């Protein structure tokens, strides 16, 4: 199914969501922990969904808004990963791997938003 995703942002956000979901699913079954796992599951999978929605945004402003929401969800995911590590639910290597994926997504999303905002300003001047 990944072949239907468009571009690196959609692929990376999909992979991050899937990796986080797999981790949360394991924690849910093994540790019976559902509060933090549910939070991470929700925020991490929302990133890819918002990126997919942005492909069919109604306007440039809508596109920027959807990517901005994805960036917020990514930031929230980083928080939940740190919390899960702090309380001992995940090991440092797992936290670093997921955290690294999320940080890369944050950089891509931020760059995409800045580019879209600059393009919007240029088109408004024309």
PDB file of N, CA and C in Angstrom:
ATOM      1  N   UNK A   1       0.812  -1.208   0.000  1.00  0.00           N
ATOM      2  CA  UNK A   1       0.000   0.000   0.000  1.00  0.00           C
ATOM      3  C   UNK A   1       0.852   1.268   0.000  1.00  0.00           C
ATOM      4  N   UNK A   2       2.094   1.151   0.487  1.00  0.00           N
ATOM      5  CA  UNK A   2       2.924   2.348   0.533  1.00  0.00           C
ATOM      6  C   UNK A   2       3.195   2.927  -0.852  1.00  0.00           C
ATOM      7  N   UNK A   3       3.045   2.127  -1.898  1.00  0.00           N
ATOM      8  CA  UNK A   3       3.304   2.628  -3.244  1.00  0.00           C
ATOM      9  C   UNK A   3       2.316   3.722  -3.646  1.00  0.00           C
ATOM     10  N   UNK A   4       1.200   3.836  -2.937  1.00  0.00           N
ATOM     11  CA  UNK A   4       0.202   4.865  -3.249  1.00  0.00           C
ATOM     12  C   UNK A   4       0.493   6.189  -2.552  1.00  0.00           C
ATOM     13  N   UNK A   5       1.481   6.204  -1.680  1.00  0.00           N
ATOM     14  CA  UNK A   5       1.820   7.432  -0.968  1.00  0.00           C
ATOM     15  C   UNK A   5       2.642   8.328  -1.878  1.00  0.00           C
ATOM     16  N   UNK A   6       2.437   9.637  -1.728  1.00  0.00           N
ATOM     17  CA  UNK A   6       3.105  10.600  -2.601  1.00  0.00           C
ATOM     18  C   UNK A   6       4.224  11.311  -1.851  1.00  0.00           C
ATOM     19  N   UNK A   7       5.422  11.085  -2.272  1.00  0.00           N
ATOM     20  CA  UNK A   7       6.565  11.835  -1.776  1.00  0.00           C
ATOM     21  C   UNK A   7       7.090  11.400  -0.417  1.00  0.00           C
ATOM     22  N   UNK A   8       8.266  11.912  -0.094  1.00  0.00           N
ATOM     23  CA  UNK A   8       8.951  11.519   1.143  1.00  0.00           C
ATOM     24  C   UNK A   8       8.177  11.849   2.420  1.00  0.00           C
ATOM     25  N   UNK A   9       7.476  12.966   2.442  1.00  0.00           N
ATOM     26  CA  UNK A   9       6.748  13.349   3.646  1.00  0.00           C
ATOM     27  C   UNK A   9       5.648  12.338   3.965  1.00  0.00           C
ATOM     28  N   UNK A  10       4.872  11.971   2.968  1.00  0.00           N
ATOM     29  CA  UNK A  10       3.815  10.991   3.212  1.00  0.00           C
ATOM     30  C   UNK A  10       4.397   9.630   3.590  1.00  0.00           C
ATOM     31  N   UNK A  11       5.470   9.232   2.932  1.00  0.00           N
ATOM     32  CA  UNK A  11       6.086   7.934   3.234  1.00  0.00           C
ATOM     33  C   UNK A  11       6.646   7.924   4.651  1.00  0.00           C
ATOM     34  N   UNK A  12       7.400   8.955   5.006  1.00  0.00           N
ATOM     35  CA  UNK A  12       8.014   9.001   6.338  1.00  0.00           C
ATOM     36  C   UNK A  12       6.966   9.133   7.444  1.00  0.00           C
ATOM     37  N   UNK A  13       5.931   9.896   7.210  1.00  0.00           N
ATOM     38  CA  UNK A  13       4.895  10.043   8.231  1.00  0.00           C
ATOM     39  C   UNK A  13       4.107   8.737   8.384  1.00  0.00           C
ATOM     40  N   UNK A  14       3.899   8.032   7.283  1.00  0.00           N
ATOM     41  CA  UNK A  14       3.223   6.736   7.323  1.00  0.00           C
ATOM     42  C   UNK A  14       4.067   5.728   8.109  1.00  0.00           C
ATOM     43  N   UNK A  15       5.355   5.681   7.807  1.00  0.00           N
ATOM     44  CA  UNK A  15       6.250   4.737   8.491  1.00  0.00           C
ATOM     45  C   UNK A  15       6.339   5.048   9.987  1.00  0.00           C
ATOM     46  N   UNK A  16       6.415   6.329  10.334  1.00  0.00           N
ATOM     47  CA  UNK A  16       6.470   6.707  11.738  1.00  0.00           C
ATOM     48  C   UNK A  16       5.193   6.278  12.461  1.00  0.00           C
ATOM     49  N   UNK A  17       4.056   6.556  11.854  1.00  0.00           N
ATOM     50  CA  UNK A  17       2.786   6.157  12.452  1.00  0.00           C
ATOM     51  C   UNK A  17       2.694   4.653  12.635  1.00  0.00           C
ATOM     52  N   UNK A  18       3.132   3.903  11.625  1.00  0.00           N
ATOM     53  CA  UNK A  18       3.096   2.440  11.707  1.00  0.00           C
ATOM     54  C   UNK A  18       4.045   1.926  12.787  1.00  0.00           C
ATOM     55  N   UNK A  19       5.248   2.490  12.860  1.00  0.00           N
ATOM     56  CA  UNK A  19       6.214   2.067  13.890  1.00  0.00           C
ATOM     57  C   UNK A  19       5.689   2.365  15.287  1.00  0.00           C
ATOM     58  N   UNK A  20       5.144   3.554  15.467  1.00  0.00           N
ATOM     59  CA  UNK A  20       4.604   3.922  16.780  1.00  0.00           C
ATOM     60  C   UNK A  20       3.410   3.039  17.135  1.00  0.00           C
ATOM     61  N   UNK A  21       2.573   2.760  16.163  1.00  0.00           N
ATOM     62  CA  UNK A  21       1.405   1.910  16.403  1.00  0.00           C
ATOM     63  C   UNK A  21       1.829   0.507  16.839  1.00  0.00           C
ATOM     64  N   UNK A  22       2.826  -0.051  16.149  1.00  0.00           N
ATOM     65  CA  UNK A  22       3.320  -1.393  16.500  1.00  0.00           C
ATOM     66  C   UNK A  22       3.856  -1.414  17.927  1.00  0.00           C
ATOM     67  N   UNK A  23       4.626  -0.384  18.293  1.00  0.00           N
ATOM     68  CA  UNK A  23       5.146  -0.288  19.652  1.00  0.00           C
ATOM     69  C   UNK A  23       4.002  -0.207  20.657  1.00  0.00           C
ATOM     70  N   UNK A  24       3.059   0.672  20.399  1.00  0.00           N
ATOM     71  CA  UNK A  24       1.938   0.855  21.324  1.00  0.00           C
ATOM     72  C   UNK A  24       1.105  -0.416  21.452  1.00  0.00           C
ATOM     73  N   UNK A  25       0.939  -1.108  20.358  1.00  0.00           N
ATOM     74  CA  UNK A  25       0.178  -2.351  20.375  1.00  0.00           C
ATOM     75  C   UNK A  25       0.859  -3.385  21.260  1.00  0.00           C
ATOM     76  N   UNK A  26       2.181  -3.472  21.154  1.00  0.00           N
ATOM     77  CA  UNK A  26       2.939  -4.398  22.010  1.00  0.00           C
ATOM     78  C   UNK A  26       2.829  -4.015  23.484  1.00  0.00           C
ATOM     79  N   UNK A  27       2.968  -2.730  23.765  1.00  0.00           N
ATOM     80  CA  UNK A  27       2.882  -2.260  25.152  1.00  0.00           C
ATOM     81  C   UNK A  27       1.490  -2.491  25.721  1.00  0.00           C
ATOM     82  N   UNK A  28       0.510  -2.315  24.886  1.00  0.00           N
ATOM     83  CA  UNK A  28      -0.876  -2.508  25.294  1.00  0.00           C
ATOM     84  C   UNK A  28      -1.094  -3.963  25.720  1.00  0.00           C
ATOM     85  N   UNK A  29      -0.546  -4.875  24.933  1.00  0.00           N
ATOM     86  CA  UNK A  29      -0.726  -6.296  25.224  1.00  0.00           C
ATOM     87  C   UNK A  29       0.142  -6.773  26.387  1.00  0.00           C
ATOM     88  N   UNK A  30       1.409  -6.357  26.397  1.00  0.00           N
ATOM     89  CA  UNK A  30       2.341  -6.885  27.399  1.00  0.00           C
ATOM     90  C   UNK A  30       2.239  -6.195  28.758  1.00  0.00           C
ATOM     91  N   UNK A  31       2.119  -4.885  28.759  1.00  0.00           N
ATOM     92  CA  UNK A  31       2.127  -4.133  30.020  1.00  0.00           C
ATOM     93  C   UNK A  31       0.742  -3.670  30.453  1.00  0.00           C
ATOM     94  N   UNK A  32      -0.239  -3.914  29.638  1.00  0.00           N
ATOM     95  CA  UNK A  32      -1.609  -3.459  29.922  1.00  0.00           C
ATOM     96  C   UNK A  32      -1.651  -1.947  30.162  1.00  0.00           C
ATOM     97  N   UNK A  33      -0.768  -1.223  29.480  1.00  0.00           N
ATOM     98  CA  UNK A  33      -0.710   0.235  29.614  1.00  0.00           C
ATOM     99  C   UNK A  33      -1.467   0.837  28.446  1.00  0.00           C
ATOM    100  N   UNK A  34      -2.519   1.572  28.719  1.00  0.00           N
ATOM    101  CA  UNK A  34      -3.315   2.114  27.628  1.00  0.00           C
ATOM    102  C   UNK A  34      -3.415   3.627  27.635  1.00  0.00           C
ATOM    103  N   UNK A  35      -3.022   4.287  28.699  1.00  0.00           N
ATOM    104  CA  UNK A  35      -3.164   5.745  28.749  1.00  0.00           C
ATOM    105  C   UNK A  35      -2.132   6.411  27.832  1.00  0.00           C
ATOM    106  N   UNK A  36      -0.852   6.157  28.075  1.00  0.00           N
ATOM    107  CA  UNK A  36       0.187   6.782  27.252  1.00  0.00           C
ATOM    108  C   UNK A  36       0.229   6.179  25.853  1.00  0.00           C
ATOM    109  N   UNK A  37       0.005   4.864  25.764  1.00  0.00           N
ATOM    110  CA  UNK A  37       0.044   4.235  24.434  1.00  0.00           C
ATOM    111  C   UNK A  37      -1.054   4.791  23.535  1.00  0.00           C
ATOM    112  N   UNK A  38      -2.210   5.003  24.096  1.00  0.00           N
ATOM    113  CA  UNK A  38      -3.319   5.537  23.294  1.00  0.00           C
ATOM    114  C   UNK A  38      -3.003   6.959  22.820  1.00  0.00           C
ATOM    115  N   UNK A  39      -2.379   7.746  23.688  1.00  0.00           N
ATOM    116  CA  UNK A  39      -2.021   9.122  23.308  1.00  0.00           C
ATOM    117  C   UNK A  39      -1.016   9.119  22.153  1.00  0.00           C
ATOM    118  N   UNK A  40       0.027   8.275  22.282  1.00  0.00           N
ATOM    119  CA  UNK A  40       1.034   8.218  21.217  1.00  0.00           C
ATOM    120  C   UNK A  40       0.434   7.648  19.934  1.00  0.00           C
ATOM    121  N   UNK A  41      -0.390   6.635  20.076  1.00  0.00           N
ATOM    122  CA  UNK A  41      -1.025   6.031  18.908  1.00  0.00           C
ATOM    123  C   UNK A  41      -1.833   7.081  18.134  1.00  0.00           C
ATOM    124  N   UNK A  42      -2.593   7.882  18.865  1.00  0.00           N
ATOM    125  CA  UNK A  42      -3.440   8.894  18.244  1.00  0.00           C
ATOM    126  C   UNK A  42      -2.609   9.985  17.563  1.00  0.00           C
ATOM    127  N   UNK A  43      -1.651  10.543  18.293  1.00  0.00           N
ATOM    128  CA  UNK A  43      -0.889  11.658  17.725  1.00  0.00           C
ATOM    129  C   UNK A  43       0.025  11.213  16.579  1.00  0.00           C
ATOM    130  N   UNK A  44       0.648  10.055  16.708  1.00  0.00           N
ATOM    131  CA  UNK A  44       1.593   9.611  15.671  1.00  0.00           C
ATOM    132  C   UNK A  44       0.893   9.233  14.364  1.00  0.00           C
ATOM    133  N   UNK A  45      -0.281   8.640  14.454  1.00  0.00           N
ATOM    134  CA  UNK A  45      -0.998   8.272  13.224  1.00  0.00           C
ATOM    135  C   UNK A  45      -1.695   9.478  12.595  1.00  0.00           C
ATOM    136  N   UNK A  46      -1.961  10.485  13.388  1.00  0.00           N
ATOM    137  CA  UNK A  46      -2.600  11.696  12.876  1.00  0.00           C
ATOM    138  C   UNK A  46      -1.676  12.472  11.936  1.00  0.00           C
ATOM    139  N   UNK A  47      -0.385  12.364  12.150  1.00  0.00           N
ATOM    140  CA  UNK A  47       0.579  13.096  11.308  1.00  0.00           C
ATOM    141  C   UNK A  47       0.418  12.701   9.844  1.00  0.00           C
ATOM    142  N   UNK A  48       0.454  11.411   9.589  1.00  0.00           N
ATOM    143  CA  UNK A  48       0.320  10.924   8.217  1.00  0.00           C
ATOM    144  C   UNK A  48      -1.037  11.242   7.618  1.00  0.00           C
ATOM    145  N   UNK A  49      -2.071  11.148   8.457  1.00  0.00           N
ATOM    146  CA  UNK A  49      -3.419  11.455   7.969  1.00  0.00           C
ATOM    147  C   UNK A  49      -3.518  12.917   7.528  1.00  0.00           C
ATOM    148  N   UNK A  50      -2.937  13.822   8.296  1.00  0.00           N
ATOM    149  CA  UNK A  50      -2.977  15.241   7.926  1.00  0.00           C
ATOM    150  C   UNK A  50      -2.136  15.513   6.676  1.00  0.00           C
ATOM    151  N   UNK A  51      -1.011  14.821   6.555  1.00  0.00           N
ATOM    152  CA  UNK A  51      -0.189  14.981   5.345  1.00  0.00           C
ATOM    153  C   UNK A  51      -0.948  14.487   4.118  1.00  0.00           C
ATOM    154  N   UNK A  52      -1.654  13.379   4.273  1.00  0.00           N
ATOM    155  CA  UNK A  52      -2.463  12.858   3.162  1.00  0.00           C
ATOM    156  C   UNK A  52      -3.585  13.833   2.817  1.00  0.00           C
ATOM    157  N   UNK A  53      -4.221  14.395   3.835  1.00  0.00           N
ATOM    158  CA  UNK A  53      -5.286  15.382   3.590  1.00  0.00           C
ATOM    159  C   UNK A  53      -4.756  16.614   2.872  1.00  0.00           C
ATOM    160  N   UNK A  54      -3.528  16.999   3.187  1.00  0.00           N
ATOM    161  CA  UNK A  54      -2.963  18.209   2.585  1.00  0.00           C
ATOM    162  C   UNK A  54      -2.825  18.075   1.066  1.00  0.00           C
ATOM    163  N   UNK A  55      -2.734  16.853   0.576  1.00  0.00           N
ATOM    164  CA  UNK A  55      -2.629  16.625  -0.864  1.00  0.00           C
ATOM    165  C   UNK A  55      -3.862  17.132  -1.607  1.00  0.00           C
ATOM    166  N   UNK A  56      -4.987  17.182  -0.923  1.00  0.00           N
ATOM    167  CA  UNK A  56      -6.223  17.635  -1.555  1.00  0.00           C
ATOM    168  C   UNK A  56      -6.797  18.850  -0.833  1.00  0.00           C
ATOM    169  N   UNK A  57      -5.895  19.701  -0.378  1.00  0.00           N
ATOM    170  CA  UNK A  57      -6.319  20.920   0.310  1.00  0.00           C
ATOM    171  C   UNK A  57      -7.118  21.797  -0.649  1.00  0.00           C
ATOM    172  N   UNK A  58      -8.028  22.560  -0.085  1.00  0.00           N
ATOM    173  CA  UNK A  58      -8.901  23.410  -0.894  1.00  0.00           C
ATOM    174  C   UNK A  58      -8.214  24.693  -1.343  1.00  0.00           C
ATOM    175  N   UNK A  59      -7.155  25.057  -0.639  1.00  0.00           N
ATOM    176  CA  UNK A  59      -6.425  26.276  -0.983  1.00  0.00           C
ATOM    177  C   UNK A  59      -5.013  26.159  -0.424  1.00  0.00           C
ATOM    178  N   UNK A  60      -4.168  27.125  -0.779  1.00  0.00           N
ATOM    179  CA  UNK A  60      -2.811  27.133  -0.229  1.00  0.00           C
ATOM    180  C   UNK A  60      -2.841  27.327   1.284  1.00  0.00           C
ATOM    181  N   UNK A  61      -3.771  28.152   1.755  1.00  0.00           N
ATOM    182  CA  UNK A  61      -3.904  28.365   3.199  1.00  0.00           C
ATOM    183  C   UNK A  61      -4.347  27.085   3.897  1.00  0.00           C
ATOM    184  N   UNK A  62      -5.242  26.354   3.288  1.00  0.00           N
ATOM    185  CA  UNK A  62      -5.705  25.089   3.843  1.00  0.00           C
ATOM    186  C   UNK A  62      -4.555  24.084   3.887  1.00  0.00           C
ATOM    187  N   UNK A  63      -3.734  24.068   2.832  1.00  0.00           N
ATOM    188  CA  UNK A  63      -2.557  23.206   2.778  1.00  0.00           C
ATOM    189  C   UNK A  63      -1.618  23.510   3.951  1.00  0.00           C
ATOM    190  N   UNK A  64      -1.339  24.784   4.161  1.00  0.00           N
ATOM    191  CA  UNK A  64      -0.463  25.208   5.261  1.00  0.00           C
ATOM    192  C   UNK A  64      -1.073  24.812   6.597  1.00  0.00           C
ATOM    193  N   UNK A  65      -2.371  25.001   6.745  1.00  0.00           N
ATOM    194  CA  UNK A  65      -3.053  24.659   7.986  1.00  0.00           C
ATOM    195  C   UNK A  65      -2.939  23.165   8.289  1.00  0.00           C
ATOM    196  N   UNK A  66      -3.144  22.331   7.288  1.00  0.00           N
ATOM    197  CA  UNK A  66      -3.077  20.884   7.504  1.00  0.00           C
ATOM    198  C   UNK A  66      -1.657  20.450   7.889  1.00  0.00           C
ATOM    199  N   UNK A  67      -0.659  21.021   7.238  1.00  0.00           N
ATOM    200  CA  UNK A  67       0.725  20.691   7.598  1.00  0.00           C
ATOM    201  C   UNK A  67       1.068  21.221   8.990  1.00  0.00           C
ATOM    202  N   UNK A  68       0.506  22.359   9.358  1.00  0.00           N
ATOM    203  CA  UNK A  68       0.740  22.910  10.697  1.00  0.00           C
ATOM    204  C   UNK A  68       0.139  22.010  11.771  1.00  0.00           C
ATOM    205  N   UNK A  69      -1.021  21.451  11.503  1.00  0.00           N
ATOM    206  CA  UNK A  69      -1.634  20.508  12.445  1.00  0.00           C
ATOM    207  C   UNK A  69      -0.773  19.250  12.539  1.00  0.00           C
ATOM    208  N   UNK A  70      -0.267  18.777  11.401  1.00  0.00           N
ATOM    209  CA  UNK A  70       0.617  17.605  11.406  1.00  0.00           C
ATOM    210  C   UNK A  70       1.861  17.883  12.247  1.00  0.00           C
ATOM    211  N   UNK A  71       2.399  19.099  12.137  1.00  0.00           N
ATOM    212  CA  UNK A  71       3.584  19.462  12.920  1.00  0.00           C
ATOM    213  C   UNK A  71       3.262  19.477  14.415  1.00  0.00           C
ATOM    214  N   UNK A  72       2.097  19.982  14.792  1.00  0.00           N
ATOM    215  CA  UNK A  72       1.676  19.972  16.199  1.00  0.00           C
ATOM    216  C   UNK A  72       1.562  18.539  16.718  1.00  0.00           C
ATOM    217  N   UNK A  73       0.969  17.666  15.912  1.00  0.00           N
ATOM    218  CA  UNK A  73       0.817  16.262  16.298  1.00  0.00           C
ATOM    219  C   UNK A  73       2.185  15.591  16.432  1.00  0.00           C
ATOM    220  N   UNK A  74       3.107  15.971  15.587  1.00  0.00           N
ATOM    221  CA  UNK A  74       4.466  15.440  15.652  1.00  0.00           C
ATOM    222  C   UNK A  74       5.146  15.879  16.943  1.00  0.00           C
ATOM    223  N   UNK A  75       4.987  17.140  17.281  1.00  0.00           N
ATOM    224  CA  UNK A  75       5.545  17.659  18.523  1.00  0.00           C
ATOM    225  C   UNK A  75       4.939  16.942  19.728  1.00  0.00           C
ATOM    226  N   UNK A  76       3.638  16.696  19.673  1.00  0.00           N
ATOM    227  CA  UNK A  76       2.974  15.967  20.756  1.00  0.00           C
ATOM    228  C   UNK A  76       3.508  14.541  20.849  1.00  0.00           C
ATOM    229  N   UNK A  77       3.748  13.920  19.715  1.00  0.00           N
ATOM    230  CA  UNK A  77       4.295  12.562  19.713  1.00  0.00           C
ATOM    231  C   UNK A  77       5.656  12.509  20.391  1.00  0.00           C
ATOM    232  N   UNK A  78       6.477  13.522  20.138  1.00  0.00           N
ATOM    233  CA  UNK A  78       7.792  13.596  20.784  1.00  0.00           C
ATOM    234  C   UNK A  78       7.620  13.646  22.301  1.00  0.00           C
ATOM    235  N   UNK A  79       6.645  14.404  22.762  1.00  0.00           N
ATOM    236  CA  UNK A  79       6.352  14.488  24.189  1.00  0.00           C
ATOM    237  C   UNK A  79       5.991  13.115  24.758  1.00  0.00           C
ATOM    238  N   UNK A  80       5.085  12.394  24.080  1.00  0.00           N
ATOM    239  CA  UNK A  80       4.646  11.088  24.586  1.00  0.00           C
ATOM    240  C   UNK A  80       5.771  10.072  24.566  1.00  0.00           C
ATOM    241  N   UNK A  81       6.645  10.138  23.579  1.00  0.00           N
ATOM    242  CA  UNK A  81       7.801   9.243  23.528  1.00  0.00           C
ATOM    243  C   UNK A  81       8.698   9.511  24.731  1.00  0.00           C
ATOM    244  N   UNK A  82       8.963  10.785  25.010  1.00  0.00           N
ATOM    245  CA  UNK A  82       9.799  11.149  26.165  1.00  0.00           C
ATOM    246  C   UNK A  82       9.152  10.691  27.473  1.00  0.00           C
ATOM    247  N   UNK A  83       7.856  10.862  27.584  1.00  0.00           N
ATOM    248  CA  UNK A  83       7.141  10.443  28.789  1.00  0.00           C
ATOM    249  C   UNK A  83       7.221   8.927  28.963  1.00  0.00           C
ATOM    250  N   UNK A  84       7.029   8.192  27.882  1.00  0.00           N
ATOM    251  CA  UNK A  84       7.072   6.734  27.949  1.00  0.00           C
ATOM    252  C   UNK A  84       8.462   6.249  28.363  1.00  0.00           C
ATOM    253  N   UNK A  85       9.498   6.924  27.883  1.00  0.00           N
ATOM    254  CA  UNK A  85      10.858   6.582  28.293  1.00  0.00           C
ATOM    255  C   UNK A  85      11.065   6.915  29.771  1.00  0.00           C
ATOM    256  N   UNK A  86      10.629   8.088  30.168  1.00  0.00           N
ATOM    257  CA  UNK A  86      10.823   8.550  31.551  1.00  0.00           C
ATOM    258  C   UNK A  86      10.168   7.624  32.569  1.00  0.00           C
ATOM    259  N   UNK A  87       8.994   7.097  32.255  1.00  0.00           N
ATOM    260  CA  UNK A  87       8.300   6.232  33.215  1.00  0.00           C
ATOM    261  C   UNK A  87       8.686   4.758  33.059  1.00  0.00           C
ATOM    262  N   UNK A  88       9.603   4.480  32.146  1.00  0.00           N
ATOM    263  CA  UNK A  88      10.129   3.126  32.021  1.00  0.00           C
ATOM    264  C   UNK A  88       9.350   2.185  31.113  1.00  0.00           C
ATOM    265  N   UNK A  89       8.473   2.729  30.289  1.00  0.00           N
ATOM    266  CA  UNK A  89       7.720   1.868  29.370  1.00  0.00           C
ATOM    267  C   UNK A  89       8.549   1.430  28.164  1.00  0.00           C
ATOM    268  N   UNK A  90       9.463   2.297  27.738  1.00  0.00           N
ATOM    269  CA  UNK A  90      10.305   1.957  26.592  1.00  0.00           C
ATOM    270  C   UNK A  90      11.772   2.198  26.941  1.00  0.00           C
ATOM    271  N   UNK A  91      12.625   1.465  26.255  1.00  0.00           N
ATOM    272  CA  UNK A  91      14.067   1.596  26.472  1.00  0.00           C
ATOM    273  C   UNK A  91      14.609   2.785  25.685  1.00  0.00           C
ATOM    274  N   UNK A  92      15.794   3.199  26.065  1.00  0.00           N
ATOM    275  CA  UNK A  92      16.399   4.380  25.456  1.00  0.00           C
ATOM    276  C   UNK A  92      16.566   4.229  23.945  1.00  0.00           C
ATOM    277  N   UNK A  93      16.995   3.056  23.487  1.00  0.00           N
ATOM    278  CA  UNK A  93      17.208   2.883  22.043  1.00  0.00           C
ATOM    279  C   UNK A  93      15.898   3.006  21.261  1.00  0.00           C
ATOM    280  N   UNK A  94      14.795   2.549  21.839  1.00  0.00           N
ATOM    281  CA  UNK A  94      13.487   2.665  21.191  1.00  0.00           C
ATOM    282  C   UNK A  94      13.062   4.127  21.170  1.00  0.00           C
ATOM    283  N   UNK A  95      13.233   4.813  22.303  1.00  0.00           N
ATOM    284  CA  UNK A  95      12.884   6.234  22.388  1.00  0.00           C
ATOM    285  C   UNK A  95      13.716   7.052  21.398  1.00  0.00           C
ATOM    286  N   UNK A  96      15.002   6.734  21.298  1.00  0.00           N
ATOM    287  CA  UNK A  96      15.865   7.476  20.372  1.00  0.00           C
ATOM    288  C   UNK A  96      15.486   7.224  18.918  1.00  0.00           C
ATOM    289  N   UNK A  97      15.148   5.979  18.587  1.00  0.00           N
ATOM    290  CA  UNK A  97      14.780   5.652  17.205  1.00  0.00           C
ATOM    291  C   UNK A  97      13.492   6.369  16.810  1.00  0.00           C
ATOM    292  N   UNK A  98      12.457   6.245  17.642  1.00  0.00           N
ATOM    293  CA  UNK A  98      11.185   6.918  17.341  1.00  0.00           C
ATOM    294  C   UNK A  98      11.338   8.434  17.400  1.00  0.00           C
ATOM    295  N   UNK A  99      12.069   8.904  18.403  1.00  0.00           N
ATOM    296  CA  UNK A  99      12.300  10.341  18.533  1.00  0.00           C
ATOM    297  C   UNK A  99      13.029  10.913  17.335  1.00  0.00           C
ATOM    298  N   UNK A 100      13.988  10.156  16.816  1.00  0.00           N
ATOM    299  CA  UNK A 100      14.737  10.585  15.635  1.00  0.00           C
ATOM    300  C   UNK A 100      13.822  10.678  14.414  1.00  0.00           C
ATOM    301  N   UNK A 101      12.937   9.694  14.264  1.00  0.00           N
ATOM    302  CA  UNK A 101      11.961   9.740  13.165  1.00  0.00           C
ATOM    303  C   UNK A 101      11.081  10.984  13.295  1.00  0.00           C
ATOM    304  N   UNK A 102      10.615  11.245  14.496  1.00  0.00           N
ATOM    305  CA  UNK A 102       9.733  12.393  14.722  1.00  0.00           C
ATOM    306  C   UNK A 102      10.465  13.711  14.486  1.00  0.00           C
ATOM    307  N   UNK A 103      11.698  13.802  14.923  1.00  0.00           N
ATOM    308  CA  UNK A 103      12.484  15.028  14.702  1.00  0.00           C
ATOM    309  C   UNK A 103      12.701  15.278  13.210  1.00  0.00           C
ATOM    310  N   UNK A 104      12.964  14.213  12.452  1.00  0.00           N
ATOM    311  CA  UNK A 104      13.129  14.362  11.011  1.00  0.00           C
ATOM    312  C   UNK A 104      11.825  14.858  10.375  1.00  0.00           C
ATOM    313  N   UNK A 105      10.710  14.292  10.816  1.00  0.00           N
ATOM    314  CA  UNK A 105       9.407  14.756  10.324  1.00  0.00           C
ATOM    315  C   UNK A 105       9.178  16.223  10.671  1.00  0.00           C
ATOM    316  N   UNK A 106       9.556  16.633  11.872  1.00  0.00           N
ATOM    317  CA  UNK A 106       9.407  18.038  12.274  1.00  0.00           C
ATOM    318  C   UNK A 106      10.188  18.953  11.333  1.00  0.00           C
ATOM    319  N   UNK A 107      11.408  18.548  11.000  1.00  0.00           N
ATOM    320  CA  UNK A 107      12.226  19.365  10.094  1.00  0.00           C
ATOM    321  C   UNK A 107      11.591  19.458   8.702  1.00  0.00           C
ATOM    322  N   UNK A 108      11.116  18.329   8.192  1.00  0.00           N
ATOM    323  CA  UNK A 108      10.494  18.320   6.863  1.00  0.00           C
ATOM    324  C   UNK A 108       9.212  19.157   6.870  1.00  0.00           C
ATOM    325  N   UNK A 109       8.394  18.966   7.891  1.00  0.00           N
ATOM    326  CA  UNK A 109       7.139  19.724   7.985  1.00  0.00           C
ATOM    327  C   UNK A 109       7.404  21.220   8.103  1.00  0.00           C
ATOM    328  N   UNK A 110       8.360  21.594   8.935  1.00  0.00           N
ATOM    329  CA  UNK A 110       8.687  23.012   9.103  1.00  0.00           C
ATOM    330  C   UNK A 110       9.169  23.620   7.794  1.00  0.00           C
ATOM    331  N   UNK A 111      10.040  22.910   7.086  1.00  0.00           N
ATOM    332  CA  UNK A 111      10.539  23.413   5.802  1.00  0.00           C
ATOM    333  C   UNK A 111       9.402  23.521   4.784  1.00  0.00           C
ATOM    334  N   UNK A 112       8.527  22.532   4.765  1.00  0.00           N
ATOM    335  CA  UNK A 112       7.399  22.550   3.823  1.00  0.00           C
ATOM    336  C   UNK A 112       6.456  23.714   4.117  1.00  0.00           C
ATOM    337  N   UNK A 113       6.198  23.942   5.394  1.00  0.00           N
ATOM    338  CA  UNK A 113       5.318  25.054   5.791  1.00  0.00           C
ATOM    339  C   UNK A 113       5.940  26.390   5.397  1.00  0.00           C
ATOM    340  N   UNK A 114       7.224  26.559   5.676  1.00  0.00           N
ATOM    341  CA  UNK A 114       7.902  27.820   5.339  1.00  0.00           C
ATOM    342  C   UNK A 114       7.889  28.065   3.827  1.00  0.00           C
ATOM    343  N   UNK A 115       8.127  27.013   3.063  1.00  0.00           N
ATOM    344  CA  UNK A 115       8.100  27.150   1.606  1.00  0.00           C
ATOM    345  C   UNK A 115       6.708  27.520   1.120  1.00  0.00           C
ATOM    346  N   UNK A 116       5.701  26.835   1.641  1.00  0.00           N
ATOM    347  CA  UNK A 116       4.314  27.115   1.237  1.00  0.00           C
ATOM    348  C   UNK A 116       3.905  28.529   1.630  1.00  0.00           C
ATOM    349  N   UNK A 117       4.328  28.988   2.808  1.00  0.00           N
ATOM    350  CA  UNK A 117       4.012  30.353   3.235  1.00  0.00           C
ATOM    351  C   UNK A 117       4.678  31.381   2.323  1.00  0.00           C
ATOM    352  N   UNK A 118       5.933  31.125   1.955  1.00  0.00           N
ATOM    353  CA  UNK A 118       6.643  32.042   1.053  1.00  0.00           C
ATOM    354  C   UNK A 118       5.952  32.069  -0.314  1.00  0.00           C
ATOM    355  N   UNK A 119       5.550  30.900  -0.821  1.00  0.00           N
ATOM    356  CA  UNK A 119       4.855  30.840  -2.105  1.00  0.00           C
ATOM    357  C   UNK A 119       3.510  31.557  -2.041  1.00  0.00           C
ATOM    358  N   UNK A 120       2.828  31.446  -0.931  1.00  0.00           N
ATOM    359  CA  UNK A 120       1.549  32.121  -0.759  1.00  0.00           C
ATOM    360  C   UNK A 120       1.734  33.635  -0.765  1.00  0.00           C
ATOM    361  N   UNK A 121       2.768  34.116  -0.073  1.00  0.00           N
ATOM    362  CA  UNK A 121       3.051  35.563  -0.069  1.00  0.00           C
ATOM    363  C   UNK A 121       3.346  36.062  -1.471  1.00  0.00           C
ATOM    364  N   UNK A 122       4.124  35.297  -2.238  1.00  0.00           N
ATOM    365  CA  UNK A 122       4.482  35.687  -3.611  1.00  0.00           C
ATOM    366  C   UNK A 122       3.223  35.729  -4.474  1.00  0.00           C
ATOM    367  N   UNK A 123       2.377  34.711  -4.332  1.00  0.00           N
ATOM    368  CA  UNK A 123       1.169  34.680  -5.171  1.00  0.00           C
ATOM    369  C   UNK A 123       0.180  35.790  -4.801  1.00  0.00           C
ATOM    370  N   UNK A 124       0.174  36.238  -3.566  1.00  0.00           N
ATOM    371  CA  UNK A 124      -0.706  37.334  -3.165  1.00  0.00           C
ATOM    372  C   UNK A 124      -0.226  38.666  -3.736  1.00  0.00           C
ATOM    373  N   UNK A 125       1.083  38.788  -3.938  1.00  0.00           N
ATOM    374  CA  UNK A 125       1.641  40.017  -4.496  1.00  0.00           C
ATOM    375  C   UNK A 125       1.380  40.124  -5.989  1.00  0.00           C
ATOM    376  N   UNK A 126       1.219  38.990  -6.631  1.00  0.00           N
ATOM    377  CA  UNK A 126       1.039  38.977  -8.107  1.00  0.00           C
ATOM    378  C   UNK A 126      -0.325  39.400  -8.522  1.00  0.00           C
TER     379      UNK A 126
END
